[in-house]
Every structure is written in C-alpha cells, then in structure tokens.
Amino acid sequence: MRNLLKLVGLNLLVFLCAFFAVMFLVSLGGDLVKVTKTTLRSGDKKERDELVVFQDKEHAQQVFLDNRKAQEGYKPYIGWRRLPLESETVNIGDDGLRVHSVGKDGTADDPSVAFFGGSTVWGTGEDDDSTIPAVFDEITEGLRVLNYGEAGWTSRQSLAQVVNLINQDKMPDNVVFYSGVNDVTILCNAHYGEDLNTHHEAPKVARMVAINQSPSYLYRNFVAPAIDTFERVTGRGKFSRNFVCDKDPARAAAVARTLFRNWQMAHSLMTAFGGKFFAFLQPVASVGKPNIGYLNLDPDQLAQYPAVYAELRKLMADANVDWAWDISDAFDGDTPLYMDSAHVIREGNARAATRIRDKILPNLATGATNQDR
C-alpha cells in the first residue's frame, strides 16, 4: 500500500512539474511575442498611420506608439480610466484626464466645459492638441475645458462619471456628451448579451468574479490561470462579433432608447444642480456622405449605425429638446477625414468642435457650480 501511494505521489509530482513547465513556456512565448510586436512595430497595429489622411506619417506613427503606452486602471462605477502618462504626443494627468496645451486662457473662476464620450473625445490617433476638447479650447475664450473622454466608454459610463463628479462637489458648469459610436458598437453586439447596461469589459469582469467565487482553491489558483493563459496565447478568448441591430429593429430601437435616456438623465442631473447639459449625435463612417473609399471597413459593423441612428433621430424629434443636436453630417464631403469607422484626423475634430461651439456658446452656464472653487 505504501509503495502504491509513493507511486501515485511520484506520478502526480511529475504531472504537476510537466504542467507548470508547459504553462511557463507558453506564457514566456506569449510575452516574447508581445514584446517583439511592441518593439518592432513603429506605428499602429492596424496600419492606420499609413493612411492617406496623414500628411506627416512619422508624426502619426509616434502618436499611435504613444497611444499604446496608455494603460488603464480600474475605477468604481465608471469601469476604467487611463493611468497617468508622459510621452511625446500623448499626456495624461494624475486625475486620468488627457491634457492639452492650446487655448489655455481660462482661470479658476471661469466657466468650465467638460467633454464626455469615448475614444473619439479622448482623441485616439491624434496628439494632445488635436482632440475635440483641445480644438474647442483653442477656438473659444474664457473657458476651462476638460477632456473626460475615455476609450471604449458608452454614454452610460459618461452618465456614471457625471454622478461621481456631482456627489464629490466637482461638477463642471457645462457638460457635453458626444455619443453614438460606442453605444451602437457594443450594445448591438449579441456577444455582450441582452442587458444594455453594459460595457466592452463586462464579459471579462464577469469571468473574473466567477473565478474568485469558486469554492475550489485549486481551480482559482491553478486551473483558471492556466486556462486563461492558454486562451490568450492561442487567441481562443478573442472578442467575437455578432452584430444584430440591422436585422433586429426591436434591438436597434432599444439601443437608441437607452442612449437617449442616458442623455435625458444627464440633462436632469445637471439642471437640478445648476449646470447645463448638451448632447451631440456624433458622425460615423456609414452615416451621411463622407469620403471613406480609401478605407477597408467591416460591413457588418457599418450596418449597425444607420439602423440605430434612424431610431435615435425619431426620439430626438419627438422629444423636441433644445439641448441635443444631430451633427452626424459634420464629416460629409470629398475631404478624407476618417482613419477608421469613427476616429478622424485633426481637421475632422476641428469641424466637430466648431459645430459644438456654435450650438452651445450662447447657452453656457456661467455661474460656479463647483463647491471646491
């Protein structure tokens, strides 16, 4: 009996050693591949920096290189925000907000204008001084302009950020939501399920919570990490695309309704606390008549935006509010502006900033709403 137990124990030890050796080699291989890609790739992994829209290809390469240096950290209720970063073209403050240097004429006593949205507000693909908030600051005077945009955020996360600011007495005088793309891209994808109060990291977070709730120490500490490593290295855990809004009118209407209600709630909150709220339905490549002939875009993804935007326009027309506008035609014309289905070069951001300025400037809140001042 004793010899049998020794044999079983020895075999188990050999198995565990082999298992850990394999996982070590797989993990090391994954790290080497990642480091190699990061080191050798000079620009954007999607090669957007090589597009005709960029006149200065070297600068575009540097921007995308600096973009990749920006890491995310967990933040309660809003999901994530970028960590502080100093680089040549992309800089993020200690508060997680992207900074800019142009137009900085506002003082602590001047009205604040805070922009909320996804990566199109944050400024993916462009340097600090070419984002929508930066250009808006440059073409206006006497305002403190803040960039609360964050990559991947939906309007629901922007709403949560407004709540966070209000309950900490840090509410801006004026809030601008520039929305549409991420709500459609994420909420029209059945990969995320039926719950429309979600974001693109929800499946990953749900899996982590489920793992940590397992009663098995063996599964939590050994099996789950091994499975995760294997899926990452082999690509089996990659994001799946299953867009449905163009085929399911009810889903398209629900996505539009969710977005519009997030706007309504943000408006109600800002108004209740003495501020002003403004919402803009942002441009996207498959809406309007922009020049996108030089791009190779996913037709399934592109089909989602017209379906939802049509429903959202109906809601905006029926509500007849004086604080929301459709500027999805801002990038129409022959000039190539898009670097993908949503992000644009500085000229596009300047068009959006100008349209926003012309709508909100006569209606800005000028009184201090921030108790910290």
Protein backbone atom coordinates (compact mmCIF):
# COMPACT_ATOMS: atom_id res chain seq x y z
CA MET A 1 0.00 0.00 0.00
CA ARG A 2 2.83 2.32 0.91
CA ASN A 3 4.57 1.66 -2.39
CA LEU A 4 1.32 2.37 -4.25
CA LEU A 5 0.94 5.72 -2.51
CA LYS A 6 4.54 6.59 -3.31
CA LEU A 7 3.96 5.73 -6.95
CA VAL A 8 0.79 7.83 -7.11
CA GLY A 9 2.53 10.72 -5.40
CA LEU A 10 5.51 10.49 -7.74
CA ASN A 11 3.30 10.42 -10.81
CA LEU A 12 1.32 13.39 -9.51
CA LEU A 13 4.53 15.31 -8.88
CA VAL A 14 5.79 14.54 -12.39
CA PHE A 15 2.46 15.65 -13.86
CA LEU A 16 2.46 18.93 -11.92
CA CYS A 17 6.07 19.64 -12.88
CA ALA A 18 5.31 18.97 -16.54
CA PHE A 19 2.14 21.06 -16.34
CA PHE A 20 3.93 24.05 -14.85
CA ALA A 21 6.79 23.67 -17.32
CA VAL A 22 4.37 23.75 -20.25
CA MET A 23 2.47 26.74 -18.85
CA PHE A 24 5.74 28.55 -18.16
CA LEU A 25 6.92 28.03 -21.73
CA VAL A 26 3.54 29.04 -23.17
CA SER A 27 3.46 32.19 -21.03
CA LEU A 28 7.07 33.02 -21.87
CA GLY A 29 6.31 32.55 -25.55
CA GLY A 30 3.33 34.88 -25.29
CA ASP A 31 5.45 37.52 -23.56
CA LEU A 32 8.16 37.25 -26.18
CA VAL A 33 5.63 37.66 -28.99
CA LYS A 34 4.09 40.69 -27.27
CA VAL A 35 7.44 42.34 -26.58
CA THR A 36 8.60 41.67 -30.13
CA LYS A 37 5.46 43.21 -31.61
CA THR A 38 5.70 46.24 -29.34
CA THR A 39 9.41 46.74 -30.06
CA LEU A 40 9.40 46.18 -33.81
CA ARG A 41 6.12 47.90 -34.68
CA SER A 42 6.79 51.60 -35.15
CA GLY A 43 3.21 52.78 -35.58
CA ASP A 44 -0.32 51.48 -35.37
CA LYS A 45 -1.04 47.75 -35.42
CA LYS A 46 -3.97 48.42 -37.76
CA GLU A 47 -1.65 50.45 -40.01
CA ARG A 48 -3.91 53.49 -39.74
CA ASP A 49 -0.83 55.69 -39.54
CA GLU A 50 -0.10 54.81 -43.19
CA LEU A 51 -3.43 56.14 -44.47
CA VAL A 52 -3.70 58.98 -46.95
CA VAL A 53 -5.31 61.21 -44.31
CA PHE A 54 -1.98 61.63 -42.52
CA GLN A 55 0.34 64.04 -44.28
CA ASP A 56 3.05 63.57 -41.64
CA LYS A 57 3.39 59.78 -41.42
CA GLU A 58 6.26 59.95 -38.95
CA HIS A 59 4.22 62.05 -36.53
CA ALA A 60 1.26 59.70 -36.93
CA GLN A 61 3.49 56.73 -36.09
CA GLN A 62 4.66 58.47 -32.94
CA VAL A 63 1.10 59.24 -31.87
CA PHE A 64 0.00 55.63 -32.22
CA LEU A 65 3.15 54.47 -30.47
CA ASP A 66 2.38 56.78 -27.55
CA ASN A 67 -1.28 55.67 -27.63
CA ARG A 68 -0.12 52.13 -26.88
CA LYS A 69 1.75 53.34 -23.80
CA ALA A 70 -1.50 54.49 -22.19
CA GLN A 71 -2.61 51.85 -19.69
CA GLU A 72 -5.98 51.53 -17.97
CA GLY A 73 -6.75 51.24 -14.27
CA TYR A 74 -9.98 50.12 -12.61
CA LYS A 75 -12.34 52.85 -11.38
CA PRO A 76 -15.57 52.10 -9.46
CA TYR A 77 -18.85 52.69 -11.32
CA ILE A 78 -17.21 54.01 -14.49
CA GLY A 79 -15.20 50.84 -15.15
CA TRP A 80 -11.75 52.18 -16.07
CA ARG A 81 -9.73 55.26 -16.77
CA ARG A 82 -6.24 55.76 -18.17
CA LEU A 83 -3.32 55.93 -15.78
CA PRO A 84 -1.01 58.99 -15.69
CA LEU A 85 1.35 59.16 -18.67
CA GLU A 86 4.04 61.45 -20.02
CA SER A 87 5.10 60.98 -23.63
CA GLU A 88 5.93 63.00 -26.72
CA THR A 89 2.37 63.29 -28.09
CA VAL A 90 0.02 61.73 -25.51
CA ASN A 91 -0.10 63.01 -21.94
CA ILE A 92 -2.48 62.08 -19.14
CA GLY A 93 -2.72 63.87 -15.81
CA ASP A 94 -2.83 62.40 -12.33
CA ASP A 95 -6.63 62.60 -12.49
CA GLY A 96 -6.67 60.28 -15.52
CA LEU A 97 -7.74 63.04 -17.93
CA ARG A 98 -5.95 63.73 -21.17
CA VAL A 99 -4.34 67.16 -21.18
CA HIS A 100 -3.73 69.77 -23.87
CA SER A 101 -1.72 72.97 -24.09
CA VAL A 102 -3.61 75.07 -26.66
CA GLY A 103 -6.26 77.66 -25.74
CA LYS A 104 -5.47 77.56 -22.03
CA ASP A 105 -6.79 81.05 -21.26
CA GLY A 106 -9.42 80.05 -18.68
CA THR A 107 -8.89 80.76 -14.98
CA ALA A 108 -10.28 79.00 -11.91
CA ASP A 109 -13.14 81.50 -11.84
CA ASP A 110 -14.17 81.00 -15.48
CA PRO A 111 -16.98 78.62 -16.51
CA SER A 112 -15.93 75.04 -17.12
CA VAL A 113 -16.91 72.96 -20.14
CA ALA A 114 -16.36 69.21 -19.77
CA PHE A 115 -16.48 66.85 -22.76
CA PHE A 116 -17.66 63.27 -22.25
CA GLY A 117 -17.54 60.39 -24.70
CA GLY A 118 -15.41 57.52 -25.92
CA SER A 119 -12.10 57.42 -27.72
CA THR A 120 -13.31 59.95 -30.30
CA VAL A 121 -13.40 62.53 -27.49
CA TRP A 122 -10.28 61.19 -25.78
CA GLY A 123 -8.51 61.57 -29.12
CA THR A 124 -7.26 58.21 -30.38
CA GLY A 125 -4.90 58.69 -33.31
CA GLU A 126 -4.19 62.36 -32.67
CA ASP A 127 -1.84 64.27 -30.39
CA ASP A 128 -2.89 66.16 -27.26
CA ASP A 129 -3.62 69.45 -29.02
CA SER A 130 -5.71 67.92 -31.82
CA THR A 131 -8.56 66.38 -29.81
CA ILE A 132 -12.07 67.83 -29.92
CA PRO A 133 -11.80 69.39 -26.43
CA ALA A 134 -8.38 70.83 -27.28
CA VAL A 135 -9.58 72.44 -30.51
CA PHE A 136 -12.73 73.71 -28.74
CA ASP A 137 -10.47 75.35 -26.15
CA GLU A 138 -8.42 76.89 -28.93
CA ILE A 139 -11.41 78.44 -30.71
CA THR A 140 -13.11 79.81 -27.58
CA GLU A 141 -12.08 82.26 -24.87
CA GLY A 142 -12.51 82.48 -21.12
CA LEU A 143 -13.43 78.84 -20.55
CA ARG A 144 -11.84 75.98 -18.65
CA VAL A 145 -12.10 72.99 -21.00
CA LEU A 146 -11.77 69.44 -19.64
CA ASN A 147 -11.50 66.14 -21.52
CA TYR A 148 -13.42 63.40 -19.67
CA GLY A 149 -13.47 61.14 -22.74
CA GLU A 150 -12.24 57.59 -22.32
CA ALA A 151 -11.62 54.81 -24.82
CA GLY A 152 -14.49 52.36 -25.09
CA TRP A 153 -16.91 54.29 -22.91
CA THR A 154 -20.63 54.24 -23.61
CA SER A 155 -23.00 57.06 -22.66
CA ARG A 156 -23.94 55.03 -19.56
CA GLN A 157 -20.38 55.29 -18.28
CA SER A 158 -20.30 59.01 -19.04
CA LEU A 159 -23.51 59.34 -17.03
CA ALA A 160 -21.88 57.49 -14.14
CA GLN A 161 -18.89 59.85 -14.32
CA VAL A 162 -21.23 62.84 -14.06
CA VAL A 163 -22.78 61.29 -10.94
CA ASN A 164 -19.30 60.74 -9.47
CA LEU A 165 -18.41 64.38 -10.04
CA ILE A 166 -21.66 65.74 -8.60
CA ASN A 167 -21.53 63.76 -5.37
CA GLN A 168 -17.94 64.89 -4.79
CA ASP A 169 -18.75 68.58 -5.41
CA LYS A 170 -16.70 68.61 -8.61
CA MET A 171 -19.45 69.08 -11.14
CA PRO A 172 -18.47 71.13 -14.21
CA ASP A 173 -20.63 74.13 -15.10
CA ASN A 174 -21.32 72.68 -18.53
CA VAL A 175 -21.27 69.07 -19.72
CA VAL A 176 -21.09 67.99 -23.37
CA PHE A 177 -21.88 64.40 -24.39
CA TYR A 178 -20.52 63.39 -27.81
CA SER A 179 -22.13 59.98 -28.25
CA GLY A 180 -23.31 57.30 -30.62
CA VAL A 181 -20.46 55.14 -31.87
CA ASN A 182 -19.62 53.09 -28.78
CA ASP A 183 -23.24 52.64 -27.71
CA VAL A 184 -24.03 51.14 -31.11
CA THR A 185 -20.82 49.10 -31.46
CA ILE A 186 -21.21 47.47 -28.05
CA LEU A 187 -24.96 47.31 -27.47
CA CYS A 188 -25.69 46.00 -30.97
CA ASN A 189 -23.29 43.11 -30.44
CA ALA A 190 -25.02 39.99 -29.09
CA HIS A 191 -21.63 38.94 -27.67
CA TYR A 192 -22.49 41.14 -24.68
CA GLY A 193 -25.91 39.62 -24.08
CA GLU A 194 -29.34 41.20 -23.75
CA ASP A 195 -28.56 43.61 -20.90
CA LEU A 196 -27.98 47.05 -22.42
CA ASN A 197 -26.45 48.43 -19.20
CA THR A 198 -23.07 47.01 -20.13
CA HIS A 199 -19.65 47.89 -21.49
CA HIS A 200 -16.97 46.12 -23.52
CA GLU A 201 -15.10 44.84 -20.45
CA ALA A 202 -18.20 43.29 -18.86
CA PRO A 203 -17.56 39.68 -20.03
CA LYS A 204 -14.00 39.81 -18.72
CA VAL A 205 -15.09 41.20 -15.34
CA ALA A 206 -17.91 38.64 -15.04
CA ARG A 207 -15.43 35.81 -15.67
CA MET A 208 -13.02 37.14 -13.04
CA VAL A 209 -15.79 37.42 -10.45
CA ALA A 210 -17.00 33.90 -11.23
CA ILE A 211 -13.47 32.53 -10.82
CA ASN A 212 -12.95 34.28 -7.49
CA GLN A 213 -16.27 32.98 -6.18
CA SER A 214 -15.34 29.37 -6.86
CA PRO A 215 -15.03 27.36 -3.62
CA SER A 216 -12.07 25.47 -5.07
CA TYR A 217 -8.64 26.91 -4.30
CA LEU A 218 -7.19 24.55 -6.89
CA TYR A 219 -9.44 25.94 -9.62
CA ARG A 220 -8.94 29.61 -8.64
CA ASN A 221 -5.20 29.48 -8.24
CA PHE A 222 -4.08 26.90 -10.79
CA VAL A 223 -6.70 25.75 -13.29
CA ALA A 224 -8.31 29.13 -14.13
CA PRO A 225 -4.99 30.97 -14.70
CA ALA A 226 -3.80 28.10 -16.88
CA ILE A 227 -6.95 28.21 -19.00
CA ASP A 228 -6.71 31.99 -19.28
CA THR A 229 -3.08 31.79 -20.37
CA PHE A 230 -3.85 29.13 -22.96
CA GLU A 231 -6.77 31.12 -24.41
CA ARG A 232 -4.75 34.33 -24.59
CA VAL A 233 -1.78 32.73 -26.32
CA THR A 234 -3.87 30.70 -28.77
CA GLY A 235 -6.34 33.51 -29.44
CA ARG A 236 -9.36 31.43 -28.43
CA GLY A 237 -10.51 34.10 -25.98
CA LYS A 238 -10.59 36.87 -28.57
CA PHE A 239 -13.53 39.22 -28.96
CA SER A 240 -16.35 37.85 -31.11
CA ARG A 241 -18.54 39.92 -33.41
CA ASN A 242 -22.24 39.16 -33.71
CA PHE A 243 -23.96 42.37 -34.73
CA VAL A 244 -27.75 42.22 -34.74
CA CYS A 245 -29.31 45.72 -34.86
CA ASP A 246 -29.54 45.81 -38.66
CA LYS A 247 -31.51 42.56 -38.58
CA ASP A 248 -33.50 43.22 -35.38
CA PRO A 249 -35.45 46.51 -35.39
CA ALA A 250 -36.52 45.98 -31.78
CA ARG A 251 -32.90 45.78 -30.66
CA ALA A 252 -31.99 48.88 -32.68
CA ALA A 253 -34.87 50.80 -31.07
CA ALA A 254 -33.85 49.61 -27.60
CA VAL A 255 -30.25 50.72 -28.13
CA ALA A 256 -31.40 54.14 -29.33
CA ARG A 257 -33.80 54.46 -26.40
CA THR A 258 -31.08 53.53 -23.91
CA LEU A 259 -28.72 56.13 -25.32
CA PHE A 260 -31.35 58.87 -25.39
CA ARG A 261 -32.46 58.14 -21.82
CA ASN A 262 -28.86 58.37 -20.65
CA TRP A 263 -28.80 61.82 -22.21
CA GLN A 264 -32.08 62.71 -20.51
CA MET A 265 -30.84 61.59 -17.11
CA ALA A 266 -27.60 63.53 -17.51
CA HIS A 267 -29.60 66.60 -18.51
CA SER A 268 -31.89 66.24 -15.49
CA LEU A 269 -28.95 65.87 -13.12
CA MET A 270 -27.04 68.84 -14.48
CA THR A 271 -30.13 71.03 -14.48
CA ALA A 272 -31.04 70.02 -10.92
CA PHE A 273 -27.61 71.05 -9.67
CA GLY A 274 -27.44 74.32 -11.55
CA GLY A 275 -25.43 73.32 -14.59
CA LYS A 276 -26.07 72.94 -18.30
CA PHE A 277 -26.10 69.79 -20.42
CA PHE A 278 -25.62 69.44 -24.17
CA ALA A 279 -25.70 66.26 -26.28
CA PHE A 280 -24.45 65.62 -29.80
CA LEU A 281 -25.05 62.61 -32.01
CA GLN A 282 -21.60 62.11 -33.43
CA PRO A 283 -20.58 61.36 -37.01
CA VAL A 284 -19.68 57.83 -38.08
CA ALA A 285 -18.40 56.48 -41.40
CA SER A 286 -21.61 54.75 -42.53
CA VAL A 287 -23.94 57.69 -41.82
CA GLY A 288 -24.10 60.69 -44.14
CA LYS A 289 -21.86 61.10 -47.17
CA PRO A 290 -18.22 61.15 -46.03
CA ASN A 291 -15.29 60.08 -48.18
CA ILE A 292 -14.39 56.58 -46.96
CA GLY A 293 -13.45 54.93 -50.25
CA TYR A 294 -9.83 54.52 -49.15
CA LEU A 295 -10.80 52.50 -46.03
CA ASN A 296 -11.33 48.78 -45.63
CA LEU A 297 -14.11 48.62 -43.03
CA ASP A 298 -16.27 45.84 -41.61
CA PRO A 299 -19.61 45.97 -43.48
CA ASP A 300 -21.45 44.17 -40.67
CA GLN A 301 -20.35 46.76 -38.15
CA LEU A 302 -21.08 49.65 -40.51
CA ALA A 303 -24.66 48.39 -40.99
CA GLN A 304 -25.46 48.91 -37.31
CA TYR A 305 -25.14 52.68 -37.21
CA PRO A 306 -27.83 53.69 -39.73
CA ALA A 307 -30.29 51.34 -38.04
CA VAL A 308 -29.81 52.87 -34.58
CA TYR A 309 -29.28 56.46 -35.72
CA ALA A 310 -32.61 56.43 -37.54
CA GLU A 311 -34.37 55.39 -34.33
CA LEU A 312 -32.47 57.95 -32.29
CA ARG A 313 -33.39 60.75 -34.65
CA LYS A 314 -37.05 59.85 -34.15
CA LEU A 315 -36.65 60.08 -30.39
CA MET A 316 -34.89 63.43 -30.68
CA ALA A 317 -37.61 64.79 -32.98
CA ASP A 318 -40.44 63.56 -30.75
CA ALA A 319 -38.84 64.98 -27.60
CA ASN A 320 -38.14 68.31 -29.36
CA VAL A 321 -35.48 69.25 -26.80
CA ASP A 322 -33.29 72.32 -27.15
CA TRP A 323 -30.15 70.68 -25.76
CA ALA A 324 -29.46 67.84 -28.22
CA TRP A 325 -28.31 68.01 -31.84
CA ASP A 326 -27.54 65.63 -34.67
CA ILE A 327 -24.17 66.55 -36.20
CA SER A 328 -23.60 63.20 -37.91
CA ASP A 329 -23.16 65.06 -41.23
CA ALA A 330 -20.16 67.05 -39.96
CA PHE A 331 -17.65 64.99 -41.93
CA ASP A 332 -19.56 64.83 -45.21
CA GLY A 333 -17.73 65.84 -48.37
CA ASP A 334 -14.79 64.84 -50.53
CA THR A 335 -12.07 65.53 -47.97
CA PRO A 336 -10.78 62.28 -46.43
CA LEU A 337 -11.03 62.62 -42.64
CA TYR A 338 -11.61 59.15 -41.20
CA MET A 339 -8.76 56.90 -40.09
CA ASP A 340 -11.29 54.11 -39.34
CA SER A 341 -15.06 53.89 -38.88
CA ALA A 342 -15.16 56.55 -36.15
CA HIS A 343 -11.83 58.29 -35.46
CA VAL A 344 -10.77 61.25 -37.56
CA ILE A 345 -7.77 63.49 -38.05
CA ARG A 346 -7.47 66.99 -36.59
CA GLU A 347 -9.46 68.64 -39.37
CA GLY A 348 -12.42 66.42 -38.54
CA ASN A 349 -12.10 67.15 -34.84
CA ALA A 350 -11.98 70.84 -35.69
CA ARG A 351 -15.24 70.54 -37.64
CA ALA A 352 -16.91 68.80 -34.71
CA ALA A 353 -15.54 71.33 -32.20
CA THR A 354 -16.79 74.22 -34.33
CA ARG A 355 -20.28 72.75 -34.65
CA ILE A 356 -20.39 72.19 -30.89
CA ARG A 357 -19.16 75.70 -30.16
CA ASP A 358 -21.76 77.29 -32.40
CA LYS A 359 -24.58 75.40 -30.66
CA ILE A 360 -23.61 75.74 -27.01
CA LEU A 361 -21.71 79.03 -26.72
CA PRO A 362 -24.86 81.21 -26.49
CA ASN A 363 -26.33 78.92 -23.81
CA LEU A 364 -23.45 78.17 -21.47
CA ALA A 365 -23.88 78.23 -17.72
CA THR A 366 -21.58 80.93 -16.34
CA GLY A 367 -22.11 80.60 -12.57
CA ALA A 368 -19.87 78.46 -10.37
CA THR A 369 -21.40 75.09 -9.55
CA ASN A 370 -18.26 73.59 -8.03
CA GLN A 371 -18.01 73.94 -4.26
CA ASP A 372 -14.27 73.29 -4.48
CA ARG A 373 -13.63 76.68 -6.07
